[in-house]
Amino acid sequence: GIPLGLMVKKELQVKSVDLVEPRLFSSR
């Protein structure tokens, strides 16, 4: 597959992280 990654500094607030439509968005 082709992984997507995200890294956020720990002092920032992350309210949500979602992978959207993995099989529809050209499978990416």
mmCIF file of all heavy atoms, coordinates in Angstrom:
data_MODEL
# 
_entry.id   MODEL 
# 
loop_
_atom_site.group_PDB 
_atom_site.id 
_atom_site.type_symbol 
_atom_site.label_atom_id 
_atom_site.label_alt_id 
_atom_site.label_comp_id 
_atom_site.label_asym_id 
_atom_site.label_entity_id 
_atom_site.label_seq_id 
_atom_site.pdbx_PDB_ins_code 
_atom_site.Cartn_x 
_atom_site.Cartn_y 
_atom_site.Cartn_z 
_atom_site.occupancy 
_atom_site.B_iso_or_equiv 
_atom_site.pdbx_formal_charge 
_atom_site.auth_seq_id 
_atom_site.auth_comp_id 
_atom_site.auth_asym_id 
_atom_site.auth_atom_id 
_atom_site.pdbx_PDB_model_num 
ATOM 1   N N   . GLY A 1 1  ? 0.830   -1.192 0.000  1.00 0.00 ? 1  GLY A N   1 
ATOM 2   C CA  . GLY A 1 1  ? 0.000   0.000  0.000  1.00 0.00 ? 1  GLY A CA  1 
ATOM 3   C C   . GLY A 1 1  ? 0.867   1.245  0.000  1.00 0.00 ? 1  GLY A C   1 
ATOM 4   O O   . GLY A 1 1  ? 2.080   1.182  -0.123 1.00 0.00 ? 1  GLY A O   1 
ATOM 5   N N   . ILE A 1 2  ? 0.237   2.409  0.129  1.00 0.00 ? 2  ILE A N   1 
ATOM 6   C CA  . ILE A 1 2  ? 0.979   3.667  0.190  1.00 0.00 ? 2  ILE A CA  1 
ATOM 7   C C   . ILE A 1 2  ? 0.570   4.375  1.473  1.00 0.00 ? 2  ILE A C   1 
ATOM 8   O O   . ILE A 1 2  ? -0.460  5.045  1.519  1.00 0.00 ? 2  ILE A O   1 
ATOM 9   C CB  . ILE A 1 2  ? 0.684   4.547  -1.041 1.00 0.00 ? 2  ILE A CB  1 
ATOM 10  C CG1 . ILE A 1 2  ? 1.098   3.811  -2.309 1.00 0.00 ? 2  ILE A CG1 1 
ATOM 11  C CG2 . ILE A 1 2  ? 1.416   5.871  -0.936 1.00 0.00 ? 2  ILE A CG2 1 
ATOM 12  C CD1 . ILE A 1 2  ? 0.937   4.623  -3.566 1.00 0.00 ? 2  ILE A CD1 1 
ATOM 13  N N   . PRO A 1 3  ? 1.344   4.220  2.540  1.00 0.00 ? 3  PRO A N   1 
ATOM 14  C CA  . PRO A 1 3  ? 0.940   4.756  3.839  1.00 0.00 ? 3  PRO A CA  1 
ATOM 15  C C   . PRO A 1 3  ? 0.985   6.285  3.884  1.00 0.00 ? 3  PRO A C   1 
ATOM 16  O O   . PRO A 1 3  ? 1.821   6.922  3.248  1.00 0.00 ? 3  PRO A O   1 
ATOM 17  C CB  . PRO A 1 3  ? 1.978   4.166  4.805  1.00 0.00 ? 3  PRO A CB  1 
ATOM 18  C CG  . PRO A 1 3  ? 2.643   3.062  4.040  1.00 0.00 ? 3  PRO A CG  1 
ATOM 19  C CD  . PRO A 1 3  ? 2.588   3.466  2.608  1.00 0.00 ? 3  PRO A CD  1 
ATOM 20  N N   . LEU A 1 4  ? 0.085   6.845  4.664  1.00 0.00 ? 4  LEU A N   1 
ATOM 21  C CA  . LEU A 1 4  ? 0.079   8.264  4.975  1.00 0.00 ? 4  LEU A CA  1 
ATOM 22  C C   . LEU A 1 4  ? 0.395   8.414  6.455  1.00 0.00 ? 4  LEU A C   1 
ATOM 23  O O   . LEU A 1 4  ? -0.135  7.673  7.289  1.00 0.00 ? 4  LEU A O   1 
ATOM 24  C CB  . LEU A 1 4  ? -1.287  8.878  4.685  1.00 0.00 ? 4  LEU A CB  1 
ATOM 25  C CG  . LEU A 1 4  ? -1.807  8.812  3.252  1.00 0.00 ? 4  LEU A CG  1 
ATOM 26  C CD1 . LEU A 1 4  ? -3.245  9.306  3.200  1.00 0.00 ? 4  LEU A CD1 1 
ATOM 27  C CD2 . LEU A 1 4  ? -0.937  9.630  2.329  1.00 0.00 ? 4  LEU A CD2 1 
ATOM 28  N N   . GLY A 1 5  ? 1.263   9.355  6.774  1.00 0.00 ? 5  GLY A N   1 
ATOM 29  C CA  . GLY A 1 5  ? 1.641   9.543  8.167  1.00 0.00 ? 5  GLY A CA  1 
ATOM 30  C C   . GLY A 1 5  ? 1.525   10.988 8.597  1.00 0.00 ? 5  GLY A C   1 
ATOM 31  O O   . GLY A 1 5  ? 1.598   11.908 7.777  1.00 0.00 ? 5  GLY A O   1 
ATOM 32  N N   . LEU A 1 6  ? 1.339   11.184 9.888  1.00 0.00 ? 6  LEU A N   1 
ATOM 33  C CA  . LEU A 1 6  ? 1.235   12.519 10.443 1.00 0.00 ? 6  LEU A CA  1 
ATOM 34  C C   . LEU A 1 6  ? 1.999   12.562 11.763 1.00 0.00 ? 6  LEU A C   1 
ATOM 35  O O   . LEU A 1 6  ? 1.893   11.649 12.584 1.00 0.00 ? 6  LEU A O   1 
ATOM 36  C CB  . LEU A 1 6  ? -0.238  12.881 10.687 1.00 0.00 ? 6  LEU A CB  1 
ATOM 37  C CG  . LEU A 1 6  ? -0.524  14.302 11.156 1.00 0.00 ? 6  LEU A CG  1 
ATOM 38  C CD1 . LEU A 1 6  ? -0.206  15.303 10.037 1.00 0.00 ? 6  LEU A CD1 1 
ATOM 39  C CD2 . LEU A 1 6  ? -1.976  14.446 11.578 1.00 0.00 ? 6  LEU A CD2 1 
ATOM 40  N N   . MET A 1 7  ? 2.781   13.629 11.943 1.00 0.00 ? 7  MET A N   1 
ATOM 41  C CA  . MET A 1 7  ? 3.518   13.844 13.185 1.00 0.00 ? 7  MET A CA  1 
ATOM 42  C C   . MET A 1 7  ? 3.211   15.255 13.671 1.00 0.00 ? 7  MET A C   1 
ATOM 43  O O   . MET A 1 7  ? 3.340   16.218 12.915 1.00 0.00 ? 7  MET A O   1 
ATOM 44  C CB  . MET A 1 7  ? 5.021   13.661 12.962 1.00 0.00 ? 7  MET A CB  1 
ATOM 45  C CG  . MET A 1 7  ? 5.394   12.298 12.397 1.00 0.00 ? 7  MET A CG  1 
ATOM 46  S SD  . MET A 1 7  ? 7.169   12.120 12.035 1.00 0.00 ? 7  MET A SD  1 
ATOM 47  C CE  . MET A 1 7  ? 7.827   11.967 13.702 1.00 0.00 ? 7  MET A CE  1 
ATOM 48  N N   . VAL A 1 8  ? 2.802   15.372 14.937 1.00 0.00 ? 8  VAL A N   1 
ATOM 49  C CA  . VAL A 1 8  ? 2.412   16.661 15.494 1.00 0.00 ? 8  VAL A CA  1 
ATOM 50  C C   . VAL A 1 8  ? 3.145   16.868 16.815 1.00 0.00 ? 8  VAL A C   1 
ATOM 51  O O   . VAL A 1 8  ? 3.171   15.972 17.661 1.00 0.00 ? 8  VAL A O   1 
ATOM 52  C CB  . VAL A 1 8  ? 0.883   16.729 15.728 1.00 0.00 ? 8  VAL A CB  1 
ATOM 53  C CG1 . VAL A 1 8  ? 0.486   18.094 16.286 1.00 0.00 ? 8  VAL A CG1 1 
ATOM 54  C CG2 . VAL A 1 8  ? 0.129   16.439 14.437 1.00 0.00 ? 8  VAL A CG2 1 
ATOM 55  N N   . LYS A 1 9  ? 3.736   18.049 16.982 1.00 0.00 ? 9  LYS A N   1 
ATOM 56  C CA  . LYS A 1 9  ? 4.426   18.364 18.236 1.00 0.00 ? 9  LYS A CA  1 
ATOM 57  C C   . LYS A 1 9  ? 3.493   18.110 19.416 1.00 0.00 ? 9  LYS A C   1 
ATOM 58  O O   . LYS A 1 9  ? 2.303   18.425 19.375 1.00 0.00 ? 9  LYS A O   1 
ATOM 59  C CB  . LYS A 1 9  ? 4.879   19.822 18.248 1.00 0.00 ? 9  LYS A CB  1 
ATOM 60  C CG  . LYS A 1 9  ? 6.169   20.107 17.497 1.00 0.00 ? 9  LYS A CG  1 
ATOM 61  C CD  . LYS A 1 9  ? 7.377   19.675 18.323 1.00 0.00 ? 9  LYS A CD  1 
ATOM 62  C CE  . LYS A 1 9  ? 8.696   20.086 17.683 1.00 0.00 ? 9  LYS A CE  1 
ATOM 63  N NZ  . LYS A 1 9  ? 8.912   21.529 17.727 1.00 0.00 ? 9  LYS A NZ  1 
ATOM 64  N N   . LYS A 1 10 ? 4.065   17.548 20.488 1.00 0.00 ? 10 LYS A N   1 
ATOM 65  C CA  . LYS A 1 10 ? 3.249   17.121 21.613 1.00 0.00 ? 10 LYS A CA  1 
ATOM 66  C C   . LYS A 1 10 ? 2.542   18.277 22.315 1.00 0.00 ? 10 LYS A C   1 
ATOM 67  O O   . LYS A 1 10 ? 1.498   18.082 22.946 1.00 0.00 ? 10 LYS A O   1 
ATOM 68  C CB  . LYS A 1 10 ? 4.112   16.342 22.604 1.00 0.00 ? 10 LYS A CB  1 
ATOM 69  C CG  . LYS A 1 10 ? 4.533   14.976 22.080 1.00 0.00 ? 10 LYS A CG  1 
ATOM 70  C CD  . LYS A 1 10 ? 5.340   14.194 23.090 1.00 0.00 ? 10 LYS A CD  1 
ATOM 71  C CE  . LYS A 1 10 ? 5.673   12.793 22.549 1.00 0.00 ? 10 LYS A CE  1 
ATOM 72  N NZ  . LYS A 1 10 ? 6.485   12.000 23.507 1.00 0.00 ? 10 LYS A NZ  1 
ATOM 73  N N   . GLU A 1 11 ? 3.093   19.498 22.196 1.00 0.00 ? 11 GLU A N   1 
ATOM 74  C CA  . GLU A 1 11 ? 2.447   20.619 22.876 1.00 0.00 ? 11 GLU A CA  1 
ATOM 75  C C   . GLU A 1 11 ? 1.232   21.144 22.125 1.00 0.00 ? 11 GLU A C   1 
ATOM 76  O O   . GLU A 1 11 ? 0.462   21.950 22.657 1.00 0.00 ? 11 GLU A O   1 
ATOM 77  C CB  . GLU A 1 11 ? 3.441   21.762 23.100 1.00 0.00 ? 11 GLU A CB  1 
ATOM 78  C CG  . GLU A 1 11 ? 4.127   22.267 21.856 1.00 0.00 ? 11 GLU A CG  1 
ATOM 79  C CD  . GLU A 1 11 ? 5.491   21.613 21.658 1.00 0.00 ? 11 GLU A CD  1 
ATOM 80  O OE1 . GLU A 1 11 ? 5.653   20.442 22.051 1.00 0.00 ? 11 GLU A OE1 1 
ATOM 81  O OE2 . GLU A 1 11 ? 6.382   22.300 21.109 1.00 0.00 ? 11 GLU A OE2 1 
ATOM 82  N N   . LEU A 1 12 ? 1.024   20.709 20.877 1.00 0.00 ? 12 LEU A N   1 
ATOM 83  C CA  . LEU A 1 12 ? -0.167  21.112 20.130 1.00 0.00 ? 12 LEU A CA  1 
ATOM 84  C C   . LEU A 1 12 ? -1.343  20.206 20.496 1.00 0.00 ? 12 LEU A C   1 
ATOM 85  O O   . LEU A 1 12 ? -1.158  19.030 20.834 1.00 0.00 ? 12 LEU A O   1 
ATOM 86  C CB  . LEU A 1 12 ? 0.073   21.044 18.625 1.00 0.00 ? 12 LEU A CB  1 
ATOM 87  C CG  . LEU A 1 12 ? 0.667   22.304 17.966 1.00 0.00 ? 12 LEU A CG  1 
ATOM 88  C CD1 . LEU A 1 12 ? 2.062   22.591 18.483 1.00 0.00 ? 12 LEU A CD1 1 
ATOM 89  C CD2 . LEU A 1 12 ? 0.650   22.182 16.462 1.00 0.00 ? 12 LEU A CD2 1 
ATOM 90  N N   . GLN A 1 13 ? -2.532  20.752 20.405 1.00 0.00 ? 13 GLN A N   1 
ATOM 91  C CA  . GLN A 1 13 ? -3.739  19.974 20.683 1.00 0.00 ? 13 GLN A CA  1 
ATOM 92  C C   . GLN A 1 13 ? -4.263  19.373 19.389 1.00 0.00 ? 13 GLN A C   1 
ATOM 93  O O   . GLN A 1 13 ? -4.538  20.097 18.433 1.00 0.00 ? 13 GLN A O   1 
ATOM 94  C CB  . GLN A 1 13 ? -4.815  20.849 21.320 1.00 0.00 ? 13 GLN A CB  1 
ATOM 95  C CG  . GLN A 1 13 ? -6.096  20.098 21.639 1.00 0.00 ? 13 GLN A CG  1 
ATOM 96  C CD  . GLN A 1 13 ? -7.199  20.997 22.167 1.00 0.00 ? 13 GLN A CD  1 
ATOM 97  O OE1 . GLN A 1 13 ? -7.026  22.206 22.263 1.00 0.00 ? 13 GLN A OE1 1 
ATOM 98  N NE2 . GLN A 1 13 ? -8.335  20.408 22.517 1.00 0.00 ? 13 GLN A NE2 1 
ATOM 99  N N   . VAL A 1 14 ? -4.384  18.054 19.364 1.00 0.00 ? 14 VAL A N   1 
ATOM 100 C CA  . VAL A 1 14 ? -4.938  17.367 18.198 1.00 0.00 ? 14 VAL A CA  1 
ATOM 101 C C   . VAL A 1 14 ? -6.361  16.929 18.545 1.00 0.00 ? 14 VAL A C   1 
ATOM 102 O O   . VAL A 1 14 ? -6.562  16.047 19.376 1.00 0.00 ? 14 VAL A O   1 
ATOM 103 C CB  . VAL A 1 14 ? -4.082  16.148 17.799 1.00 0.00 ? 14 VAL A CB  1 
ATOM 104 C CG1 . VAL A 1 14 ? -4.680  15.458 16.578 1.00 0.00 ? 14 VAL A CG1 1 
ATOM 105 C CG2 . VAL A 1 14 ? -2.645  16.573 17.519 1.00 0.00 ? 14 VAL A CG2 1 
ATOM 106 N N   . LYS A 1 15 ? -7.336  17.559 17.902 1.00 0.00 ? 15 LYS A N   1 
ATOM 107 C CA  . LYS A 1 15 ? -8.728  17.281 18.226 1.00 0.00 ? 15 LYS A CA  1 
ATOM 108 C C   . LYS A 1 15 ? -9.241  16.033 17.529 1.00 0.00 ? 15 LYS A C   1 
ATOM 109 O O   . LYS A 1 15 ? -10.090 15.322 18.048 1.00 0.00 ? 15 LYS A O   1 
ATOM 110 C CB  . LYS A 1 15 ? -9.587  18.494 17.867 1.00 0.00 ? 15 LYS A CB  1 
ATOM 111 C CG  . LYS A 1 15 ? -9.211  19.741 18.677 1.00 0.00 ? 15 LYS A CG  1 
ATOM 112 C CD  . LYS A 1 15 ? -10.123 20.914 18.365 1.00 0.00 ? 15 LYS A CD  1 
ATOM 113 C CE  . LYS A 1 15 ? -9.784  22.104 19.243 1.00 0.00 ? 15 LYS A CE  1 
ATOM 114 N NZ  . LYS A 1 15 ? -10.680 23.263 18.987 1.00 0.00 ? 15 LYS A NZ  1 
ATOM 115 N N   . SER A 1 16 ? -8.747  15.783 16.311 1.00 0.00 ? 16 SER A N   1 
ATOM 116 C CA  . SER A 1 16 ? -9.161  14.581 15.590 1.00 0.00 ? 16 SER A CA  1 
ATOM 117 C C   . SER A 1 16 ? -8.188  14.314 14.452 1.00 0.00 ? 16 SER A C   1 
ATOM 118 O O   . SER A 1 16 ? -7.606  15.235 13.885 1.00 0.00 ? 16 SER A O   1 
ATOM 119 C CB  . SER A 1 16 ? -10.590 14.725 15.036 1.00 0.00 ? 16 SER A CB  1 
ATOM 120 O OG  . SER A 1 16 ? -10.643 15.758 14.060 1.00 0.00 ? 16 SER A OG  1 
ATOM 121 N N   . VAL A 1 17 ? -8.013  13.030 14.130 1.00 0.00 ? 17 VAL A N   1 
ATOM 122 C CA  . VAL A 1 17 ? -7.222  12.597 12.968 1.00 0.00 ? 17 VAL A CA  1 
ATOM 123 C C   . VAL A 1 17 ? -7.965  11.429 12.341 1.00 0.00 ? 17 VAL A C   1 
ATOM 124 O O   . VAL A 1 17 ? -8.215  10.420 13.006 1.00 0.00 ? 17 VAL A O   1 
ATOM 125 C CB  . VAL A 1 17 ? -5.804  12.149 13.354 1.00 0.00 ? 17 VAL A CB  1 
ATOM 126 C CG1 . VAL A 1 17 ? -5.040  11.702 12.102 1.00 0.00 ? 17 VAL A CG1 1 
ATOM 127 C CG2 . VAL A 1 17 ? -5.038  13.261 14.053 1.00 0.00 ? 17 VAL A CG2 1 
ATOM 128 N N   . ASP A 1 18 ? -8.319  11.561 11.062 1.00 0.00 ? 18 ASP A N   1 
ATOM 129 C CA  . ASP A 1 18 ? -9.087  10.504 10.410 1.00 0.00 ? 18 ASP A CA  1 
ATOM 130 C C   . ASP A 1 18 ? -8.542  10.218 9.017  1.00 0.00 ? 18 ASP A C   1 
ATOM 131 O O   . ASP A 1 18 ? -8.123  11.136 8.291  1.00 0.00 ? 18 ASP A O   1 
ATOM 132 C CB  . ASP A 1 18 ? -10.553 10.905 10.282 1.00 0.00 ? 18 ASP A CB  1 
ATOM 133 C CG  . ASP A 1 18 ? -11.228 11.077 11.633 1.00 0.00 ? 18 ASP A CG  1 
ATOM 134 O OD1 . ASP A 1 18 ? -11.291 10.084 12.382 1.00 0.00 ? 18 ASP A OD1 1 
ATOM 135 O OD2 . ASP A 1 18 ? -11.664 12.196 11.932 1.00 0.00 ? 18 ASP A OD2 1 
ATOM 136 N N   . LEU A 1 19 ? -8.558  8.944  8.638  1.00 0.00 ? 19 LEU A N   1 
ATOM 137 C CA  . LEU A 1 19 ? -8.283  8.545  7.261  1.00 0.00 ? 19 LEU A CA  1 
ATOM 138 C C   . LEU A 1 19 ? -9.619  8.468  6.544  1.00 0.00 ? 19 LEU A C   1 
ATOM 139 O O   . LEU A 1 19 ? -10.499 7.704  6.925  1.00 0.00 ? 19 LEU A O   1 
ATOM 140 C CB  . LEU A 1 19 ? -7.570  7.196  7.207  1.00 0.00 ? 19 LEU A CB  1 
ATOM 141 C CG  . LEU A 1 19 ? -7.287  6.666  5.794  1.00 0.00 ? 19 LEU A CG  1 
ATOM 142 C CD1 . LEU A 1 19 ? -6.249  7.529  5.084  1.00 0.00 ? 19 LEU A CD1 1 
ATOM 143 C CD2 . LEU A 1 19 ? -6.816  5.220  5.845  1.00 0.00 ? 19 LEU A CD2 1 
ATOM 144 N N   . VAL A 1 20 ? -9.775  9.267  5.508  1.00 0.00 ? 20 VAL A N   1 
ATOM 145 C CA  . VAL A 1 20 ? -11.045 9.367  4.800  1.00 0.00 ? 20 VAL A CA  1 
ATOM 146 C C   . VAL A 1 20 ? -10.994 8.572  3.499  1.00 0.00 ? 20 VAL A C   1 
ATOM 147 O O   . VAL A 1 20 ? -10.041 8.677  2.731  1.00 0.00 ? 20 VAL A O   1 
ATOM 148 C CB  . VAL A 1 20 ? -11.377 10.844 4.493  1.00 0.00 ? 20 VAL A CB  1 
ATOM 149 C CG1 . VAL A 1 20 ? -12.683 10.961 3.732  1.00 0.00 ? 20 VAL A CG1 1 
ATOM 150 C CG2 . VAL A 1 20 ? -11.440 11.639 5.793  1.00 0.00 ? 20 VAL A CG2 1 
ATOM 151 N N   . GLU A 1 21 ? -12.000 7.756  3.270  1.00 0.00 ? 21 GLU A N   1 
ATOM 152 C CA  . GLU A 1 21 ? -12.198 7.060  1.994  1.00 0.00 ? 21 GLU A CA  1 
ATOM 153 C C   . GLU A 1 21 ? -10.953 6.342  1.478  1.00 0.00 ? 21 GLU A C   1 
ATOM 154 O O   . GLU A 1 21 ? -10.485 6.593  0.379  1.00 0.00 ? 21 GLU A O   1 
ATOM 155 C CB  . GLU A 1 21 ? -12.680 8.056  0.946  1.00 0.00 ? 21 GLU A CB  1 
ATOM 156 C CG  . GLU A 1 21 ? -13.979 8.727  1.333  1.00 0.00 ? 21 GLU A CG  1 
ATOM 157 C CD  . GLU A 1 21 ? -14.323 9.867  0.402  1.00 0.00 ? 21 GLU A CD  1 
ATOM 158 O OE1 . GLU A 1 21 ? -13.497 10.209 -0.447 1.00 0.00 ? 21 GLU A OE1 1 
ATOM 159 O OE2 . GLU A 1 21 ? -15.422 10.408 0.513  1.00 0.00 ? 21 GLU A OE2 1 
ATOM 160 N N   . PRO A 1 22 ? -10.384 5.424  2.258  1.00 0.00 ? 22 PRO A N   1 
ATOM 161 C CA  . PRO A 1 22 ? -9.165  4.754  1.800  1.00 0.00 ? 22 PRO A CA  1 
ATOM 162 C C   . PRO A 1 22 ? -9.335  3.954  0.521  1.00 0.00 ? 22 PRO A C   1 
ATOM 163 O O   . PRO A 1 22 ? -8.382  3.777  -0.231 1.00 0.00 ? 22 PRO A O   1 
ATOM 164 C CB  . PRO A 1 22 ? -8.824  3.835  2.986  1.00 0.00 ? 22 PRO A CB  1 
ATOM 165 C CG  . PRO A 1 22 ? -10.122 3.632  3.706  1.00 0.00 ? 22 PRO A CG  1 
ATOM 166 C CD  . PRO A 1 22 ? -10.853 4.936  3.550  1.00 0.00 ? 22 PRO A CD  1 
ATOM 167 N N   . ARG A 1 23 ? -10.542 3.482  0.226  1.00 0.00 ? 23 ARG A N   1 
ATOM 168 C CA  . ARG A 1 23 ? -10.729 2.671  -0.982 1.00 0.00 ? 23 ARG A CA  1 
ATOM 169 C C   . ARG A 1 23 ? -11.312 3.476  -2.145 1.00 0.00 ? 23 ARG A C   1 
ATOM 170 O O   . ARG A 1 23 ? -11.420 2.978  -3.253 1.00 0.00 ? 23 ARG A O   1 
ATOM 171 C CB  . ARG A 1 23 ? -11.645 1.473  -0.690 1.00 0.00 ? 23 ARG A CB  1 
ATOM 172 C CG  . ARG A 1 23 ? -10.988 0.436  0.212  1.00 0.00 ? 23 ARG A CG  1 
ATOM 173 C CD  . ARG A 1 23 ? -11.838 -0.821 0.283  1.00 0.00 ? 23 ARG A CD  1 
ATOM 174 N NE  . ARG A 1 23 ? -11.224 -1.820 1.125  1.00 0.00 ? 23 ARG A NE  1 
ATOM 175 C CZ  . ARG A 1 23 ? -10.302 -2.689 0.720  1.00 0.00 ? 23 ARG A CZ  1 
ATOM 176 N NH1 . ARG A 1 23 ? -9.867  -2.651 -0.523 1.00 0.00 ? 23 ARG A NH1 1 
ATOM 177 N NH2 . ARG A 1 23 ? -9.792  -3.573 1.545  1.00 0.00 ? 23 ARG A NH2 1 
ATOM 178 N N   . LEU A 1 24 ? -11.681 4.715  -1.898 1.00 0.00 ? 24 LEU A N   1 
ATOM 179 C CA  . LEU A 1 24 ? -12.303 5.511  -2.951 1.00 0.00 ? 24 LEU A CA  1 
ATOM 180 C C   . LEU A 1 24 ? -11.386 6.600  -3.490 1.00 0.00 ? 24 LEU A C   1 
ATOM 181 O O   . LEU A 1 24 ? -11.455 6.947  -4.656 1.00 0.00 ? 24 LEU A O   1 
ATOM 182 C CB  . LEU A 1 24 ? -13.591 6.159  -2.420 1.00 0.00 ? 24 LEU A CB  1 
ATOM 183 C CG  . LEU A 1 24 ? -14.699 5.183  -2.002 1.00 0.00 ? 24 LEU A CG  1 
ATOM 184 C CD1 . LEU A 1 24 ? -15.896 5.964  -1.489 1.00 0.00 ? 24 LEU A CD1 1 
ATOM 185 C CD2 . LEU A 1 24 ? -15.097 4.282  -3.160 1.00 0.00 ? 24 LEU A CD2 1 
ATOM 186 N N   . PHE A 1 25 ? -10.522 7.135  -2.634 1.00 0.00 ? 25 PHE A N   1 
ATOM 187 C CA  . PHE A 1 25 ? -9.677  8.241  -3.059 1.00 0.00 ? 25 PHE A CA  1 
ATOM 188 C C   . PHE A 1 25 ? -8.475  7.689  -3.821 1.00 0.00 ? 25 PHE A C   1 
ATOM 189 O O   . PHE A 1 25 ? -7.342  7.756  -3.400 1.00 0.00 ? 25 PHE A O   1 
ATOM 190 C CB  . PHE A 1 25 ? -9.233  9.055  -1.844 1.00 0.00 ? 25 PHE A CB  1 
ATOM 191 C CG  . PHE A 1 25 ? -8.779  10.450 -2.181 1.00 0.00 ? 25 PHE A CG  1 
ATOM 192 C CD1 . PHE A 1 25 ? -9.695  11.436 -2.446 1.00 0.00 ? 25 PHE A CD1 1 
ATOM 193 C CD2 . PHE A 1 25 ? -7.442  10.761 -2.228 1.00 0.00 ? 25 PHE A CD2 1 
ATOM 194 C CE1 . PHE A 1 25 ? -9.287  12.723 -2.739 1.00 0.00 ? 25 PHE A CE1 1 
ATOM 195 C CE2 . PHE A 1 25 ? -7.015  12.047 -2.523 1.00 0.00 ? 25 PHE A CE2 1 
ATOM 196 C CZ  . PHE A 1 25 ? -7.946  13.026 -2.776 1.00 0.00 ? 25 PHE A CZ  1 
ATOM 197 N N   . SER A 1 26 ? -8.768  7.076  -4.992 1.00 0.00 ? 26 SER A N   1 
ATOM 198 C CA  . SER A 1 26 ? -7.749  6.404  -5.788 1.00 0.00 ? 26 SER A CA  1 
ATOM 199 C C   . SER A 1 26 ? -6.980  5.405  -4.940 1.00 0.00 ? 26 SER A C   1 
ATOM 200 O O   . SER A 1 26 ? -5.795  5.171  -5.128 1.00 0.00 ? 26 SER A O   1 
ATOM 201 C CB  . SER A 1 26 ? -6.757  7.407  -6.394 1.00 0.00 ? 26 SER A CB  1 
ATOM 202 O OG  . SER A 1 26 ? -5.853  6.746  -7.250 1.00 0.00 ? 26 SER A OG  1 
ATOM 203 N N   . SER A 1 27 ? -7.661  4.822  -3.965 1.00 0.00 ? 27 SER A N   1 
ATOM 204 C CA  . SER A 1 27 ? -7.090  3.803  -3.074 1.00 0.00 ? 27 SER A CA  1 
ATOM 205 C C   . SER A 1 27 ? -5.943  4.333  -2.238 1.00 0.00 ? 27 SER A C   1 
ATOM 206 O O   . SER A 1 27 ? -5.190  3.558  -1.669 1.00 0.00 ? 27 SER A O   1 
ATOM 207 C CB  . SER A 1 27 ? -6.619  2.580  -3.874 1.00 0.00 ? 27 SER A CB  1 
ATOM 208 O OG  . SER A 1 27 ? -7.692  2.001  -4.569 1.00 0.00 ? 27 SER A OG  1 
ATOM 209 N N   . ARG A 1 28 ? -5.782  5.651  -2.146 1.00 0.00 ? 28 ARG A N   1 
ATOM 210 C CA  . ARG A 1 28 ? -4.666  6.198  -1.378 1.00 0.00 ? 28 ARG A CA  1 
ATOM 211 C C   . ARG A 1 28 ? -5.127  6.873  -0.099 1.00 0.00 ? 28 ARG A C   1 
ATOM 212 O O   . ARG A 1 28 ? -4.323  7.142  0.774  1.00 0.00 ? 28 ARG A O   1 
ATOM 213 C CB  . ARG A 1 28 ? -3.861  7.182  -2.228 1.00 0.00 ? 28 ARG A CB  1 
ATOM 214 C CG  . ARG A 1 28 ? -3.223  6.494  -3.425 1.00 0.00 ? 28 ARG A CG  1 
ATOM 215 C CD  . ARG A 1 28 ? -2.236  7.381  -4.126 1.00 0.00 ? 28 ARG A CD  1 
ATOM 216 N NE  . ARG A 1 28 ? -1.617  6.674  -5.234 1.00 0.00 ? 28 ARG A NE  1 
ATOM 217 C CZ  . ARG A 1 28 ? -0.499  7.056  -5.814 1.00 0.00 ? 28 ARG A CZ  1 
ATOM 218 N NH1 . ARG A 1 28 ? 0.123   8.137  -5.406 1.00 0.00 ? 28 ARG A NH1 1 
ATOM 219 N NH2 . ARG A 1 28 ? 0.007   6.367  -6.813 1.00 0.00 ? 28 ARG A NH2 1 
# 
